[in-house]
C-alpha atoms as a PDB file:
ATOM      1  CA  MET A   1     -44.384 -10.383  -7.806  1.00  0.00           C
ATOM      2  CA  ASN A   2     -42.918  -8.493 -10.717  1.00  0.00           C
ATOM      3  CA  PHE A   3     -41.281  -5.114 -10.215  1.00  0.00           C
ATOM      4  CA  PRO A   4     -39.859  -3.825 -13.470  1.00  0.00           C
ATOM      5  CA  VAL A   5     -36.589  -2.011 -13.103  1.00  0.00           C
ATOM      6  CA  ASN A   6     -35.320   0.467 -15.683  1.00  0.00           C
ATOM      7  CA  LEU A   7     -32.084  -1.142 -16.823  1.00  0.00           C
ATOM      8  CA  TRP A   8     -30.879   2.138 -18.341  1.00  0.00           C
ATOM      9  CA  SER A   9     -31.100   3.783 -14.930  1.00  0.00           C
ATOM     10  CA  VAL A  10     -29.210   0.825 -13.460  1.00  0.00           C
ATOM     11  CA  LEU A  11     -26.520   1.287 -16.108  1.00  0.00           C
ATOM     12  CA  GLY A  12     -26.338   5.009 -15.272  1.00  0.00           C
ATOM     13  CA  ALA A  13     -25.992   4.187 -11.574  1.00  0.00           C
ATOM     14  CA  VAL A  14     -23.190   1.718 -12.359  1.00  0.00           C
ATOM     15  CA  VAL A  15     -21.308   4.328 -14.389  1.00  0.00           C
ATOM     16  CA  VAL A  16     -21.629   6.892 -11.588  1.00  0.00           C
ATOM     17  CA  SER A  17     -20.520   4.392  -8.942  1.00  0.00           C
ATOM     18  CA  CYS A  18     -17.545   3.157 -10.970  1.00  0.00           C
ATOM     19  CA  ALA A  19     -16.440   6.728 -11.673  1.00  0.00           C
ATOM     20  CA  LEU A  20     -16.630   7.387  -7.945  1.00  0.00           C
ATOM     21  CA  MET A  21     -14.607   4.218  -7.267  1.00  0.00           C
ATOM     22  CA  ALA A  22     -11.885   5.285  -9.693  1.00  0.00           C
ATOM     23  CA  ALA A  23     -11.669   8.711  -8.061  1.00  0.00           C
ATOM     24  CA  TRP A  24     -12.049   7.476  -4.456  1.00  0.00           C
ATOM     25  CA  TYR A  25      -9.336   4.821  -4.623  1.00  0.00           C
ATOM     26  CA  GLY A  26      -7.253   6.846  -7.062  1.00  0.00           C
ATOM     27  CA  PRO A  27      -6.527  10.540  -6.686  1.00  0.00           C
ATOM     28  CA  LEU A  28      -8.777  11.201  -3.676  1.00  0.00           C
ATOM     29  CA  PHE A  29      -7.754   8.495  -1.193  1.00  0.00           C
ATOM     30  CA  GLY A  30      -5.516   6.053  -3.089  1.00  0.00           C
ATOM     31  CA  LYS A  31      -2.377   6.870  -1.100  1.00  0.00           C
ATOM     32  CA  LEU A  32      -4.228   6.651   2.197  1.00  0.00           C
ATOM     33  CA  TRP A  33      -5.815   3.331   1.183  1.00  0.00           C
ATOM     34  CA  ARG A  34      -2.404   1.871   0.244  1.00  0.00           C
ATOM     35  CA  HIS A  35      -0.940   3.078   3.542  1.00  0.00           C
ATOM     36  CA  LEU A  36      -3.794   1.578   5.579  1.00  0.00           C
ATOM     37  CA  MET A  37      -3.472  -1.690   3.644  1.00  0.00           C
ATOM     38  CA  GLY A  38       0.271  -1.730   4.298  1.00  0.00           C
ATOM     39  CA  LEU A  39       1.126  -1.574   0.596  1.00  0.00           C
ATOM     40  CA  SER A  40       3.690   0.454  -1.261  1.00  0.00           C
ATOM     41  CA  GLU A  41       2.756   1.755  -4.692  1.00  0.00           C
ATOM     42  CA  GLU A  42       5.198  -0.739  -6.206  1.00  0.00           C
ATOM     43  CA  LYS A  43       3.678  -3.650  -4.264  1.00  0.00           C
ATOM     44  CA  GLN A  44       0.177  -2.675  -5.391  1.00  0.00           C
ATOM     45  CA  VAL A  45       1.289  -2.466  -9.027  1.00  0.00           C
ATOM     46  CA  GLU A  46       2.978  -5.865  -8.690  1.00  0.00           C
ATOM     47  CA  MET A  47      -0.142  -7.407  -7.117  1.00  0.00           C
ATOM     48  CA  MET A  48      -2.396  -6.062  -9.867  1.00  0.00           C
ATOM     49  CA  LYS A  49      -0.165  -7.037 -12.798  1.00  0.00           C
ATOM     50  CA  GLY A  50      -2.346  -8.872 -15.256  1.00  0.00           C
ATOM     51  CA  ARG A  51      -5.370  -8.664 -12.911  1.00  0.00           C
ATOM     52  CA  MET A  52      -6.586  -5.108 -13.413  1.00  0.00           C
ATOM     53  CA  GLY A  53      -9.098  -6.029 -16.116  1.00  0.00           C
ATOM     54  CA  LYS A  54     -10.452  -8.939 -14.112  1.00  0.00           C
ATOM     55  CA  ALA A  55     -10.645  -6.826 -10.931  1.00  0.00           C
ATOM     56  CA  TRP A  56     -12.554  -4.068 -12.738  1.00  0.00           C
ATOM     57  CA  GLY A  57     -14.815  -6.625 -14.405  1.00  0.00           C
ATOM     58  CA  ILE A  58     -15.747  -8.136 -11.051  1.00  0.00           C
ATOM     59  CA  ALA A  59     -16.259  -4.657  -9.576  1.00  0.00           C
ATOM     60  CA  VAL A  60     -18.571  -3.639 -12.437  1.00  0.00           C
ATOM     61  CA  VAL A  61     -20.658  -6.813 -12.142  1.00  0.00           C
ATOM     62  CA  ALA A  62     -20.916  -6.463  -8.341  1.00  0.00           C
ATOM     63  CA  THR A  63     -21.880  -2.805  -8.717  1.00  0.00           C
ATOM     64  CA  ALA A  64     -24.514  -3.719 -11.313  1.00  0.00           C
ATOM     65  CA  VAL A  65     -26.050  -6.250  -8.918  1.00  0.00           C
ATOM     66  CA  GLN A  66     -26.022  -3.653  -6.148  1.00  0.00           C
ATOM     67  CA  ALA A  67     -27.604  -0.995  -8.405  1.00  0.00           C
ATOM     68  CA  TYR A  68     -30.263  -3.420  -9.645  1.00  0.00           C
ATOM     69  CA  PHE A  69     -31.347  -4.381  -6.148  1.00  0.00           C
ATOM     70  CA  LEU A  70     -31.257  -0.785  -4.974  1.00  0.00           C
ATOM     71  CA  ALA A  71     -33.577   0.070  -7.896  1.00  0.00           C
ATOM     72  CA  TYR A  72     -35.744  -2.894  -6.957  1.00  0.00           C
ATOM     73  CA  PHE A  73     -36.066  -1.743  -3.335  1.00  0.00           C
ATOM     74  CA  LEU A  74     -36.789   1.817  -4.429  1.00  0.00           C
ATOM     75  CA  GLN A  75     -39.534   0.481  -6.688  1.00  0.00           C
ATOM     76  CA  LEU A  76     -40.822  -1.865  -3.998  1.00  0.00           C
ATOM     77  CA  GLY A  77     -41.100   1.028  -1.547  1.00  0.00           C
ATOM     78  CA  ASN A  78     -42.679   3.218  -4.229  1.00  0.00           C
ATOM     79  CA  ILE A  79     -39.942   5.775  -3.586  1.00  0.00           C
ATOM     80  CA  ALA A  80     -39.842   8.497  -6.203  1.00  0.00           C
ATOM     81  CA  ASP A  81     -38.147  11.434  -4.449  1.00  0.00           C
ATOM     82  CA  SER A  82     -34.487  11.960  -3.638  1.00  0.00           C
ATOM     83  CA  SER A  83     -35.003  12.537   0.086  1.00  0.00           C
ATOM     84  CA  SER A  84     -36.709   9.169   0.600  1.00  0.00           C
ATOM     85  CA  ALA A  85     -34.204   7.476  -1.725  1.00  0.00           C
ATOM     86  CA  LEU A  86     -31.306   8.867   0.296  1.00  0.00           C
ATOM     87  CA  GLN A  87     -32.928   7.690   3.535  1.00  0.00           C
ATOM     88  CA  LEU A  88     -33.419   4.170   2.155  1.00  0.00           C
ATOM     89  CA  SER A  89     -29.832   4.049   0.886  1.00  0.00           C
ATOM     90  CA  PHE A  90     -28.496   5.168   4.235  1.00  0.00           C
ATOM     91  CA  MET A  91     -30.566   2.562   6.085  1.00  0.00           C
ATOM     92  CA  LEU A  92     -29.449  -0.203   3.715  1.00  0.00           C
ATOM     93  CA  TRP A  93     -25.834   0.920   4.125  1.00  0.00           C
ATOM     94  CA  LEU A  94     -26.080   1.063   7.926  1.00  0.00           C
ATOM     95  CA  GLY A  95     -28.009  -2.175   8.296  1.00  0.00           C
ATOM     96  CA  PHE A  96     -26.029  -4.294   5.849  1.00  0.00           C
ATOM     97  CA  VAL A  97     -22.850  -2.762   4.434  1.00  0.00           C
ATOM     98  CA  ALA A  98     -21.453  -1.000   7.512  1.00  0.00           C
ATOM     99  CA  THR A  99     -22.224  -3.907   9.821  1.00  0.00           C
ATOM    100  CA  VAL A 100     -20.817  -6.588   7.522  1.00  0.00           C
ATOM    101  CA  MET A 101     -17.660  -4.561   6.974  1.00  0.00           C
ATOM    102  CA  THR A 102     -16.909  -4.566  10.708  1.00  0.00           C
ATOM    103  CA  GLY A 103     -15.652  -8.114  10.209  1.00  0.00           C
ATOM    104  CA  ALA A 104     -12.571  -6.685   8.496  1.00  0.00           C
ATOM    105  CA  VAL A 105     -11.761  -4.845  11.698  1.00  0.00           C
ATOM    106  CA  SER A 106     -12.687  -7.513  14.196  1.00  0.00           C
ATOM    107  CA  TRP A 107     -11.543 -10.672  12.377  1.00  0.00           C
ATOM    108  CA  GLU A 108      -8.923  -9.467   9.903  1.00  0.00           C
ATOM    109  CA  ASN A 109      -7.253  -6.993  12.254  1.00  0.00           C
ATOM    110  CA  LYS A 110      -7.668  -4.094   9.846  1.00  0.00           C
ATOM    111  CA  PRO A 111      -7.630  -0.534  11.227  1.00  0.00           C
ATOM    112  CA  TRP A 112     -10.820   1.421  11.837  1.00  0.00           C
ATOM    113  CA  LYS A 113      -9.484   4.117   9.497  1.00  0.00           C
ATOM    114  CA  LEU A 114      -9.576   1.570   6.660  1.00  0.00           C
ATOM    115  CA  TRP A 115     -13.141   0.647   7.630  1.00  0.00           C
ATOM    116  CA  THR A 116     -14.060   4.338   7.531  1.00  0.00           C
ATOM    117  CA  LEU A 117     -12.456   4.794   4.123  1.00  0.00           C
ATOM    118  CA  ASN A 118     -14.085   1.717   2.556  1.00  0.00           C
ATOM    119  CA  ALA A 119     -17.461   2.100   4.267  1.00  0.00           C
ATOM    120  CA  GLY A 120     -17.443   5.769   3.303  1.00  0.00           C
ATOM    121  CA  TYR A 121     -17.038   4.820  -0.344  1.00  0.00           C
ATOM    122  CA  TYR A 122     -20.018   2.467  -0.171  1.00  0.00           C
ATOM    123  CA  LEU A 123     -22.148   5.066   1.582  1.00  0.00           C
ATOM    124  CA  VAL A 124     -21.424   7.755  -0.996  1.00  0.00           C
ATOM    125  CA  SER A 125     -21.850   5.233  -3.811  1.00  0.00           C
ATOM    126  CA  LEU A 126     -25.259   4.077  -2.579  1.00  0.00           C
ATOM    127  CA  LEU A 127     -26.410   7.655  -2.059  1.00  0.00           C
ATOM    128  CA  LEU A 128     -25.356   8.702  -5.555  1.00  0.00           C
ATOM    129  CA  MET A 129     -26.848   5.599  -7.159  1.00  0.00           C
ATOM    130  CA  SER A 130     -30.170   6.146  -5.393  1.00  0.00           C
ATOM    131  CA  VAL A 131     -30.411   9.679  -6.758  1.00  0.00           C
ATOM    132  CA  VAL A 132     -29.677   8.466 -10.292  1.00  0.00           C
ATOM    133  CA  LEU A 133     -32.224   5.683  -9.932  1.00  0.00           C
ATOM    134  CA  VAL A 134     -35.105   7.832  -8.690  1.00  0.00           C
ATOM    135  CA  TYR A 135     -34.599  10.552 -11.275  1.00  0.00           C
ATOM    136  CA  TRP A 136     -34.115   8.162 -14.170  1.00  0.00           C
ATOM    137  CA  ARG A 137     -36.983   5.761 -13.702  1.00  0.00           C
END
């Protein structure tokens, strides 16, 4: 089975998702995220010293894998309209991302507000990426 995926659309989806990540965990909800993680701004800066490039590199690669497989599933389902793409993204988020992330609450004793913040990012990211992917086939 060979389902060609437009790598340019995947790259566009990665750019959109990473821009969202920078805004989401920066000016939009960065302070709230730090608070929910129990970090001061100084502690976060200290933790990330010398690791920012590596952290972003890992995030970009992980996002590229996510965008590629989202494009693959959109192609597999022969989905070419935004409404169906948004539905698929939501179902993938609910069935896999949201459920897996509950482990942070149940096993790592993280607050539900943190789950909502992080899961919300992934939901919005998947929705935006799906729109990019269906319009830029």
